[in-house]
Protein backbone atom coordinates (compact mmCIF):
# COMPACT_ATOMS: atom_id res chain seq x y z
CA UNK A 1 14.22 8.41 23.18
CA UNK A 2 17.85 7.20 24.49
CA UNK A 3 20.53 9.52 23.21
CA UNK A 4 22.28 7.96 19.92
CA UNK A 5 21.24 4.15 20.80
CA UNK A 6 23.50 1.78 18.99
CA UNK A 7 20.79 -0.86 18.46
CA UNK A 8 17.16 -0.45 18.07
CA UNK A 9 14.86 -3.39 19.00
CA UNK A 10 11.50 -3.42 17.02
CA UNK A 11 8.65 -5.64 18.53
CA UNK A 12 5.48 -6.01 16.76
CA UNK A 13 2.55 -6.73 19.23
CA UNK A 14 -0.91 -7.99 18.70
CA UNK A 15 -2.78 -9.25 22.03
CA UNK A 16 0.49 -9.85 23.83
CA UNK A 17 -0.28 -8.85 26.99
CA UNK A 18 0.58 -12.43 28.55
CA UNK A 19 3.84 -12.57 26.86
CA UNK A 20 5.22 -8.86 26.10
CA UNK A 21 6.81 -8.17 29.59
CA UNK A 22 8.91 -11.23 29.12
CA UNK A 23 10.04 -10.17 25.85
CA UNK A 24 11.10 -6.74 27.20
CA UNK A 25 12.80 -8.31 30.24
CA UNK A 26 14.86 -10.27 27.71
CA UNK A 27 16.03 -6.78 26.43
CA UNK A 28 16.73 -5.32 29.94
CA UNK A 29 18.81 -8.30 30.65
CA UNK A 30 21.27 -7.63 27.82
CA UNK A 31 24.82 -7.07 28.68
CA UNK A 32 26.32 -3.63 28.53
CA UNK A 33 24.80 -2.49 24.96
CA UNK A 34 23.09 0.95 24.37
CA UNK A 35 19.77 0.27 23.08
CA UNK A 36 15.97 1.54 22.59
CA UNK A 37 13.04 -0.64 22.28
CA UNK A 38 10.20 0.17 19.89
CA UNK A 39 6.94 -1.55 20.63
CA UNK A 40 4.44 -1.16 17.72
CA UNK A 41 0.96 -2.24 19.11
CA UNK A 42 -1.04 -3.83 15.97
CA UNK A 43 -4.42 -2.98 16.97
CA UNK A 44 -4.75 -4.95 20.19
CA UNK A 45 -7.93 -5.47 21.89
CA UNK A 46 -6.52 -6.81 25.10
CA UNK A 47 -4.31 -4.87 27.83
CA UNK A 48 -1.11 -5.33 25.86
CA UNK A 49 -0.21 -1.52 26.44
CA UNK A 50 -1.02 -1.69 30.04
CA UNK A 51 0.80 -4.73 30.66
CA UNK A 52 4.15 -2.94 30.18
CA UNK A 53 3.20 -0.01 32.26
CA UNK A 54 5.83 -0.57 34.80
CA UNK A 55 8.76 -1.14 32.01
CA UNK A 56 7.52 2.28 30.56
CA UNK A 57 8.14 3.99 33.76
CA UNK A 58 11.37 2.48 34.33
CA UNK A 59 12.88 2.55 31.06
CA UNK A 60 11.61 6.28 30.16
CA UNK A 61 12.95 7.35 26.98
CA UNK A 62 14.52 4.14 26.14
CA UNK A 63 11.20 2.90 25.03
CA UNK A 64 8.93 3.96 22.46
CA UNK A 65 5.47 2.83 22.12
CA UNK A 66 3.38 3.34 19.34
CA UNK A 67 -0.29 2.29 18.20
CA UNK A 68 -1.59 1.48 14.95
CA UNK A 69 -4.83 -0.08 13.58
CA UNK A 70 -4.35 -3.70 12.87
CA UNK A 71 -2.72 -3.97 9.59
CA UNK A 72 -0.25 -7.00 10.32
CA UNK A 73 3.06 -7.78 11.49
CA UNK A 74 5.22 -6.51 8.17
CA UNK A 75 3.64 -3.11 8.53
CA UNK A 76 4.04 -2.71 12.49
CA UNK A 77 7.67 -3.82 11.68
CA UNK A 78 8.17 -1.09 8.98
CA UNK A 79 6.72 1.35 11.36
CA UNK A 80 9.36 0.33 13.96
CA UNK A 81 12.01 0.41 11.34
CA UNK A 82 10.96 4.02 10.36
CA UNK A 83 11.44 5.45 13.68
CA UNK A 84 14.62 3.48 14.46
CA UNK A 85 17.40 5.64 15.32
CA UNK A 86 20.19 3.21 16.17
CA UNK A 87 22.88 2.20 13.81
CA UNK A 88 21.61 -1.32 13.99
CA UNK A 89 18.12 -2.76 14.06
CA UNK A 90 17.41 -6.05 15.64
CA UNK A 91 13.47 -7.69 15.57
CA UNK A 92 12.12 -9.54 18.50
CA UNK A 93 8.55 -10.92 18.37
CA UNK A 94 6.20 -10.32 21.77
CA UNK A 95 5.92 -13.97 22.51
CA UNK A 96 9.80 -14.63 22.26
CA UNK A 97 12.92 -13.60 23.82
CA UNK A 98 16.52 -12.71 23.68
CA UNK A 99 19.69 -14.67 25.31
CA UNK A 100 21.53 -12.33 27.50
CA UNK A 101 24.41 -12.18 25.04
CA UNK A 102 22.42 -11.74 21.91
CA UNK A 103 23.05 -8.03 21.07
CA UNK A 104 26.81 -8.24 22.43
CA UNK A 105 27.64 -11.11 20.24
CA UNK A 106 26.18 -9.69 17.00
CA UNK A 107 27.86 -6.58 17.58
CA UNK A 108 31.11 -8.19 18.05
CA UNK A 109 30.54 -9.95 14.52
CA UNK A 110 30.04 -6.43 13.06
CA UNK A 111 33.15 -5.15 14.67
CA UNK A 112 35.34 -7.74 13.36
CA UNK A 113 33.88 -7.36 9.96
CA UNK A 114 32.76 -3.99 9.16
CA UNK A 115 31.74 -4.93 5.66
CA UNK A 116 28.86 -7.02 6.67
CA UNK A 117 25.61 -5.77 6.44
CA UNK A 118 23.44 -8.40 8.24
CA UNK A 119 24.24 -10.80 10.99
CA UNK A 120 21.88 -13.79 12.25
CA UNK A 121 22.33 -16.56 14.44
CA UNK A 122 21.09 -20.08 15.64
CA UNK A 123 18.12 -20.14 18.02
CA UNK A 124 16.38 -22.50 20.26
CA UNK A 125 12.62 -22.97 20.22
CA UNK A 126 9.87 -24.25 23.14
CA UNK A 127 7.56 -26.57 21.23
CA UNK A 128 3.79 -26.91 22.20
CA UNK A 129 4.48 -29.60 24.61
CA UNK A 130 7.15 -27.40 26.51
CA UNK A 131 10.04 -29.39 25.35
CA UNK A 132 13.10 -27.20 24.62
CA UNK A 133 14.92 -27.86 21.31
CA UNK A 134 18.25 -26.32 21.67
CA UNK A 135 19.41 -25.75 17.91
CA UNK A 136 16.69 -25.11 15.07
CA UNK A 137 19.60 -25.30 12.52
CA UNK A 138 20.71 -28.48 13.42
CA UNK A 139 17.31 -29.84 13.53
CA UNK A 140 15.70 -28.00 10.35
CA UNK A 141 17.65 -25.87 8.55
CA UNK A 142 20.59 -28.41 7.89
CA UNK A 143 17.92 -30.61 5.99
CA UNK A 144 18.12 -28.34 2.79
CA UNK A 145 21.89 -28.63 2.99
CA UNK A 146 24.37 -26.57 4.91
CA UNK A 147 25.36 -22.92 4.16
CA UNK A 148 28.80 -22.42 3.26
CA UNK A 149 30.89 -20.18 5.47
CA UNK A 150 34.05 -19.25 6.97
CA UNK A 151 34.74 -19.39 10.46
CA UNK A 152 36.84 -16.24 11.52
CA UNK A 153 36.62 -16.95 15.31
CA UNK A 154 35.15 -19.29 17.43
CA UNK A 155 31.37 -19.62 16.21
CA UNK A 156 31.67 -16.29 14.42
CA UNK A 157 31.19 -17.08 10.59
CA UNK A 158 31.21 -14.94 7.50
CA UNK A 159 28.77 -16.37 5.04
CA UNK A 160 29.62 -17.42 1.48
CA UNK A 161 29.18 -14.95 -1.53
CA UNK A 162 26.41 -17.59 -2.81
CA UNK A 163 24.30 -17.48 0.28
CA UNK A 164 21.61 -15.90 -1.90
CA UNK A 165 21.20 -18.97 -4.04
CA UNK A 166 20.82 -20.98 -0.59
CA UNK A 167 18.32 -18.42 0.57
CA UNK A 168 16.13 -18.54 -2.66
CA UNK A 169 15.61 -22.18 -2.21
CA UNK A 170 13.96 -21.86 1.28
CA UNK A 171 13.35 -19.78 4.37
CA UNK A 172 16.58 -19.39 6.25
CA UNK A 173 16.72 -16.22 8.60
CA UNK A 174 13.97 -15.60 11.23
CA UNK A 175 13.71 -11.99 12.60
CA UNK A 176 14.38 -12.78 16.04
CA UNK A 177 17.81 -14.00 14.99
CA UNK A 178 18.83 -11.12 12.65
CA UNK A 179 20.63 -7.71 13.24
CA UNK A 180 20.86 -5.17 10.11
CA UNK A 181 22.91 -2.17 9.71
CA UNK A 182 20.14 0.42 9.54
CA UNK A 183 22.47 1.95 6.60
CA UNK A 184 21.33 -1.02 4.44
CA UNK A 185 17.71 -0.83 4.86
CA UNK A 186 17.71 2.79 3.77
CA UNK A 187 14.13 4.11 2.85
CA UNK A 188 13.40 1.07 0.36
CA UNK A 189 13.98 -2.12 2.08
CA UNK A 190 11.03 -3.02 4.20
CA UNK A 191 8.81 -6.26 5.01
CA UNK A 192 6.17 -6.71 2.29
CA UNK A 193 2.75 -5.58 3.57
CA UNK A 194 -0.05 -7.87 2.46
CA UNK A 195 2.39 -10.95 2.72
CA UNK A 196 1.82 -13.24 5.38
CA UNK A 197 3.91 -16.15 6.65
CA UNK A 198 6.63 -15.78 4.39
CA UNK A 199 7.14 -12.10 4.70
CA UNK A 200 10.32 -12.46 6.51
CA UNK A 201 11.75 -14.80 3.38
CA UNK A 202 11.51 -11.93 1.26
CA UNK A 203 12.72 -9.44 3.47
CA UNK A 204 16.11 -11.11 4.03
CA UNK A 205 16.38 -12.28 0.72
CA UNK A 206 16.18 -8.43 -0.25
CA UNK A 207 18.48 -7.47 2.56
CA UNK A 208 21.14 -10.06 1.64
CA UNK A 209 21.18 -9.27 -1.98
CA UNK A 210 22.78 -5.93 -0.91
CA UNK A 211 25.29 -6.87 1.57
CA UNK A 212 27.52 -9.44 3.02
CA UNK A 213 26.07 -11.73 5.65
CA UNK A 214 27.65 -12.99 8.91
CA UNK A 215 26.41 -15.78 11.35
CA UNK A 216 27.13 -16.51 14.92
CA UNK A 217 26.64 -20.40 15.30
CA UNK A 218 24.89 -20.25 18.81
CA UNK A 219 21.42 -19.93 20.05
CA UNK A 220 20.87 -16.34 20.71
CA UNK A 221 17.25 -16.34 20.78
CA UNK A 222 14.37 -18.51 21.92
CA UNK A 223 11.04 -18.69 20.20
CA UNK A 224 7.87 -20.07 22.09
CA UNK A 225 5.06 -21.83 20.06
CA UNK A 226 1.73 -20.95 21.16
CA UNK A 227 -1.53 -22.16 20.14
CA UNK A 228 -3.40 -20.17 17.79
CA UNK A 229 -0.53 -18.82 15.82
CA UNK A 230 -0.89 -18.58 12.03
CA UNK A 231 1.48 -21.08 11.28
CA UNK A 232 -0.06 -23.77 13.28
CA UNK A 233 -3.75 -22.98 12.58
CA UNK A 234 -4.12 -22.21 8.79
CA UNK A 235 -2.19 -24.41 6.75
CA UNK A 236 -4.14 -23.92 3.83
CA UNK A 237 -3.88 -20.01 3.95
CA UNK A 238 -0.15 -20.52 4.43
CA UNK A 239 0.17 -22.59 1.34
CA UNK A 240 -1.35 -19.74 -0.45
CA UNK A 241 1.07 -17.31 1.00
CA UNK A 242 3.93 -19.50 0.28
CA UNK A 243 2.80 -19.82 -3.44
CA UNK A 244 2.82 -15.93 -3.92
CA UNK A 245 6.32 -15.72 -1.99
CA UNK A 246 7.79 -18.27 -4.37
CA UNK A 247 6.42 -16.49 -7.50
CA UNK A 248 7.64 -13.47 -6.43
CA UNK A 249 11.25 -14.71 -5.81
CA UNK A 250 11.36 -16.28 -9.16
CA UNK A 251 10.32 -13.04 -10.55
CA UNK A 252 12.62 -10.87 -8.72
CA UNK A 253 15.90 -13.27 -8.69
CA UNK A 254 16.33 -14.29 -12.35
CA UNK A 255 20.04 -14.15 -11.98
CA UNK A 256 20.09 -16.64 -8.94
CA UNK A 257 21.61 -19.97 -10.13
CA UNK A 258 19.78 -22.24 -12.52
CA UNK A 259 20.03 -25.15 -9.70
CA UNK A 260 18.30 -22.96 -6.85
CA UNK A 261 15.66 -21.82 -9.22
CA UNK A 262 14.96 -25.20 -10.38
CA UNK A 263 14.59 -26.36 -6.64
CA UNK A 264 12.49 -23.55 -5.66
CA UNK A 265 10.25 -24.61 -8.76
CA UNK A 266 10.04 -27.78 -7.32
CA UNK A 267 8.73 -26.50 -4.23
CA UNK A 268 6.53 -23.98 -5.89
CA UNK A 269 4.88 -27.26 -7.42
CA UNK A 270 4.63 -29.02 -4.39
CA UNK A 271 2.75 -26.04 -2.90
CA UNK A 272 0.37 -25.46 -6.13
CA UNK A 273 -0.51 -29.47 -5.87
CA UNK A 274 -1.39 -28.98 -2.51
CA UNK A 275 -3.53 -26.02 -3.29
CA UNK A 276 -5.31 -28.19 -6.01
CA UNK A 277 -6.12 -30.89 -3.83
CA UNK A 278 -7.39 -28.57 -1.29
CA UNK A 279 -9.57 -27.01 -4.10
CA UNK A 280 -10.68 -30.64 -5.41
CA UNK A 281 -11.98 -31.82 -1.81
CA UNK A 282 -13.84 -28.58 -1.60
CA UNK A 283 -15.59 -29.43 -5.04
CA UNK A 284 -13.81 -26.41 -6.82
CA UNK A 285 -12.84 -28.35 -9.68
CA UNK A 286 -12.07 -25.47 -12.09
CA UNK A 287 -9.46 -24.09 -9.54
CA UNK A 288 -7.95 -27.26 -8.75
CA UNK A 289 -7.74 -27.92 -12.70
CA UNK A 290 -5.85 -24.33 -12.68
CA UNK A 291 -3.62 -24.96 -9.94
CA UNK A 292 -2.69 -28.50 -11.35
CA UNK A 293 -1.79 -26.69 -14.55
CA UNK A 294 0.40 -24.39 -13.18
CA UNK A 295 2.20 -27.32 -10.99
CA UNK A 296 2.86 -29.03 -14.16
CA UNK A 297 4.44 -26.02 -15.64
CA UNK A 298 6.97 -25.85 -12.81
CA UNK A 299 7.70 -29.42 -12.51
CA UNK A 300 6.65 -32.04 -15.09
CA UNK A 301 5.62 -35.35 -13.63
CA UNK A 302 2.82 -38.27 -14.67
CA UNK A 303 1.24 -37.95 -11.41
CA UNK A 304 0.13 -34.18 -11.51
CA UNK A 305 -0.66 -34.81 -15.28
CA UNK A 306 -3.05 -37.50 -14.23
CA UNK A 307 -4.60 -35.41 -11.38
CA UNK A 308 -5.22 -32.43 -13.91
CA UNK A 309 -7.03 -34.69 -16.21
CA UNK A 310 -9.11 -35.93 -13.28
CA UNK A 311 -9.80 -32.44 -12.36
CA UNK A 312 -10.56 -31.29 -15.84
CA UNK A 313 -13.07 -34.23 -16.25
CA UNK A 314 -14.78 -32.87 -13.17
CA UNK A 315 -14.78 -29.39 -14.24
CA UNK A 316 -16.37 -30.31 -17.20
CA UNK A 317 -18.70 -32.83 -15.93
CA UNK A 318 -20.00 -29.97 -13.47
CA UNK A 319 -20.20 -27.61 -16.31
CA UNK A 320 -22.38 -30.07 -18.60
CA UNK A 321 -25.86 -29.37 -16.53
CA UNK A 322 -25.24 -25.59 -16.64
CA UNK A 323 -24.87 -25.98 -20.58
CA UNK A 324 -27.97 -28.01 -20.95
CA UNK A 325 -30.12 -25.78 -18.79
CA UNK A 326 -28.92 -22.80 -20.99
CA UNK A 327 -29.64 -24.81 -24.20
CA UNK A 328 -32.92 -25.59 -22.75
CA UNK A 329 -33.71 -22.04 -22.03
CA UNK A 330 -32.44 -20.68 -25.50
CA UNK A 331 -34.64 -23.27 -27.35
CA UNK A 332 -37.84 -22.08 -25.31
């Protein structure tokens, strides 16, 4: 690998032969920064590795390619973190790209404030129709309220110490926007294996609970939405993963403010109700009853109570034929 790279960039890749070369090109196009790129092939069945053969020949020891059995993006990112040699770690997904000034702008922030352990930024995204949305934070994130921060230079900000309370409430930092001091991660802070769709939320909550955080108020990455991605095609499964993530957050951050925990509890109740409706539609009335009951525990309202009663009645009605058949068999 490159001698003493300043930044290690970790790319998890699964069947990414079509987009991975573009992602690596965006790293090669970075302004003068010493970096290494670590590609972790997560069990691809296409020619993901072959698609970057020219990059491997050209970059030599600045590029490390690792292969693993399919285990998910969390495990792939963790594999990259474990092999990272840079003072800082950045993340890029195989279908996305960095803007040319991405690394240098975030390093500038670290130089200005050596006490920071994490710096993230705004980013743009291309939707499925090909339309470019310039700022995700202006369109989406601010809906949950602005993050309080102090601007120390044009578009360079230090987040308020209460950032954790804001992050408890909602997913705020995407991996492609972040750069983390390797020392903050140590041997403990990693993406949670087995947790999908909300794993980044849990990871950056863990990171931000250990250090001060900075923000670059300009888009430094571009996300490309692609058909078939987990976030677009598996809404029911995503809801289940969100529920698990929010339950873990409530357990792990009891010291978060009462208001942030109340807001998260409301979001958890909403997801549990959605799970309950999904179960009800599938005729899984006992599972629906359980989910409605859990939702009611996190946020009491009459509507959920009514739906709980309906699910309970349906579960009871479903059980009656079984009880009747058991009684008949016993009498014989």
